Structures are given as C-alpha cells and as structure tokens.
Amino acid sequence: METLKFKTNIKCGGCIAAVTTTLDTLDGVAKWNVDTANPDKILTVESSDGLTSDEVIGALKIKGYHAEKI
C-alpha cells in the first residue's frame, strides 16, 4: 500500500460527491478521503502499487478540480 497526498480545491460535501465516482472507480485506489477542515483541503489516497499521482490529478482535472501532490 502506498499513500498519496494532494492539496486540492475540494472544499465541501458537494465537491466530494462530485468526485466520489471518479475516485472510487480509479484503478488502484483502495480508499480515499478529503480533510475539508484543513485549509489546504488535503486529499489522501491509499493505493496499491502502480497508481501514480498524475493519474489522480488527471482524474480530478476532468471533473474540474485542481490537485497538487504534496
């Protein structure tokens, strides 16, 4: 298992709902969550080996969200 962390603009429950299907169906994602209480809106993705940060960033970009690996 690998943990990837991203600074995002996912800021509310509606935003989380908008990306849920995308992140849930992304190959290699075991689980994920967004800390909306953190000013940087940290997305933590637990993944199997092989999932890249670029894949996560690209999937979120398609949905209209920004993510930056930290």
C-alpha atoms as a PDB file:
ATOM      1  CA  MET A   1       0.000   0.000   0.000  1.00  0.00           C
ATOM      2  CA  GLU A   2       1.120   3.499  -0.808  1.00  0.00           C
ATOM      3  CA  THR A   3      -0.321   6.763   0.500  1.00  0.00           C
ATOM      4  CA  LEU A   4      -0.539   9.731  -1.846  1.00  0.00           C
ATOM      5  CA  LYS A   5      -1.413  13.213  -0.559  1.00  0.00           C
ATOM      6  CA  PHE A   6      -2.645  16.206  -2.516  1.00  0.00           C
ATOM      7  CA  LYS A   7      -3.542  19.823  -1.862  1.00  0.00           C
ATOM      8  CA  THR A   8      -6.913  20.352  -3.587  1.00  0.00           C
ATOM      9  CA  ASN A   9      -9.806  22.727  -4.089  1.00  0.00           C
ATOM     10  CA  ILE A  10     -12.347  20.091  -2.965  1.00  0.00           C
ATOM     11  CA  LYS A  11     -13.985  22.183  -0.281  1.00  0.00           C
ATOM     12  CA  CYS A  12     -17.424  20.815   0.611  1.00  0.00           C
ATOM     13  CA  GLY A  13     -19.715  17.812   0.623  1.00  0.00           C
ATOM     14  CA  GLY A  14     -20.990  18.680  -2.840  1.00  0.00           C
ATOM     15  CA  CYS A  15     -17.448  18.663  -4.182  1.00  0.00           C
ATOM     16  CA  ILE A  16     -16.781  15.310  -2.526  1.00  0.00           C
ATOM     17  CA  ALA A  17     -19.957  13.910  -4.075  1.00  0.00           C
ATOM     18  CA  ALA A  18     -18.808  15.166  -7.491  1.00  0.00           C
ATOM     19  CA  VAL A  19     -15.510  13.268  -7.336  1.00  0.00           C
ATOM     20  CA  THR A  20     -16.661  10.135  -5.489  1.00  0.00           C
ATOM     21  CA  THR A  21     -17.482   8.054  -8.564  1.00  0.00           C
ATOM     22  CA  THR A  22     -14.250   9.086 -10.263  1.00  0.00           C
ATOM     23  CA  LEU A  23     -12.016   8.232  -7.315  1.00  0.00           C
ATOM     24  CA  ASP A  24     -13.948   5.082  -6.400  1.00  0.00           C
ATOM     25  CA  THR A  25     -13.521   3.660  -9.905  1.00  0.00           C
ATOM     26  CA  LEU A  26      -9.902   4.734 -10.466  1.00  0.00           C
ATOM     27  CA  ASP A  27      -7.749   1.603 -10.786  1.00  0.00           C
ATOM     28  CA  GLY A  28      -5.535   1.118  -7.769  1.00  0.00           C
ATOM     29  CA  VAL A  29      -7.487   3.223  -5.254  1.00  0.00           C
ATOM     30  CA  ALA A  30      -8.144   1.244  -2.061  1.00  0.00           C
ATOM     31  CA  LYS A  31      -9.645   4.154  -0.106  1.00  0.00           C
ATOM     32  CA  TRP A  32      -9.532   7.926  -0.034  1.00  0.00           C
ATOM     33  CA  ASN A  33     -10.719  10.901   1.985  1.00  0.00           C
ATOM     34  CA  VAL A  34     -10.599  14.688   1.922  1.00  0.00           C
ATOM     35  CA  ASP A  35      -9.906  16.756   5.035  1.00  0.00           C
ATOM     36  CA  THR A  36     -12.143  19.747   4.284  1.00  0.00           C
ATOM     37  CA  ALA A  37     -11.339  21.238   7.704  1.00  0.00           C
ATOM     38  CA  ASN A  38      -7.701  21.671   6.646  1.00  0.00           C
ATOM     39  CA  PRO A  39      -7.122  24.985   4.819  1.00  0.00           C
ATOM     40  CA  ASP A  40      -5.281  23.056   2.065  1.00  0.00           C
ATOM     41  CA  LYS A  41      -8.199  20.589   1.631  1.00  0.00           C
ATOM     42  CA  ILE A  42      -5.897  17.574   1.780  1.00  0.00           C
ATOM     43  CA  LEU A  43      -6.894  14.538  -0.286  1.00  0.00           C
ATOM     44  CA  THR A  44      -5.330  11.318   0.987  1.00  0.00           C
ATOM     45  CA  VAL A  45      -5.419   8.325  -1.354  1.00  0.00           C
ATOM     46  CA  GLU A  46      -4.426   4.841  -0.196  1.00  0.00           C
ATOM     47  CA  SER A  47      -3.454   2.876  -3.269  1.00  0.00           C
ATOM     48  CA  SER A  48      -1.979  -0.329  -4.458  1.00  0.00           C
ATOM     49  CA  ASP A  49       1.359  -0.141  -6.178  1.00  0.00           C
ATOM     50  CA  GLY A  50       1.192   1.292  -9.641  1.00  0.00           C
ATOM     51  CA  LEU A  51      -1.225   4.187  -9.163  1.00  0.00           C
ATOM     52  CA  THR A  52       0.566   7.432  -9.954  1.00  0.00           C
ATOM     53  CA  SER A  53      -0.108  10.903  -8.650  1.00  0.00           C
ATOM     54  CA  ASP A  54      -0.546  12.038 -12.264  1.00  0.00           C
ATOM     55  CA  GLU A  55      -3.458   9.607 -12.685  1.00  0.00           C
ATOM     56  CA  VAL A  56      -5.207  11.049  -9.623  1.00  0.00           C
ATOM     57  CA  ILE A  57      -4.511  14.640 -10.699  1.00  0.00           C
ATOM     58  CA  GLY A  58      -5.777  13.899 -14.221  1.00  0.00           C
ATOM     59  CA  ALA A  59      -8.960  12.238 -12.989  1.00  0.00           C
ATOM     60  CA  LEU A  60      -9.764  15.221 -10.764  1.00  0.00           C
ATOM     61  CA  LYS A  61      -8.951  17.685 -13.543  1.00  0.00           C
ATOM     62  CA  ILE A  62     -11.545  16.027 -15.782  1.00  0.00           C
ATOM     63  CA  LYS A  63     -14.122  16.722 -13.057  1.00  0.00           C
ATOM     64  CA  GLY A  64     -12.995  20.354 -12.798  1.00  0.00           C
ATOM     65  CA  TYR A  65     -10.882  20.123  -9.645  1.00  0.00           C
ATOM     66  CA  HIS A  66      -7.261  21.029  -9.023  1.00  0.00           C
ATOM     67  CA  ALA A  67      -4.855  18.766  -7.144  1.00  0.00           C
ATOM     68  CA  GLU A  68      -1.181  19.281  -6.384  1.00  0.00           C
ATOM     69  CA  LYS A  69       0.978  16.481  -4.947  1.00  0.00           C
ATOM     70  CA  ILE A  70       2.449  17.224  -1.531  1.00  0.00           C
END
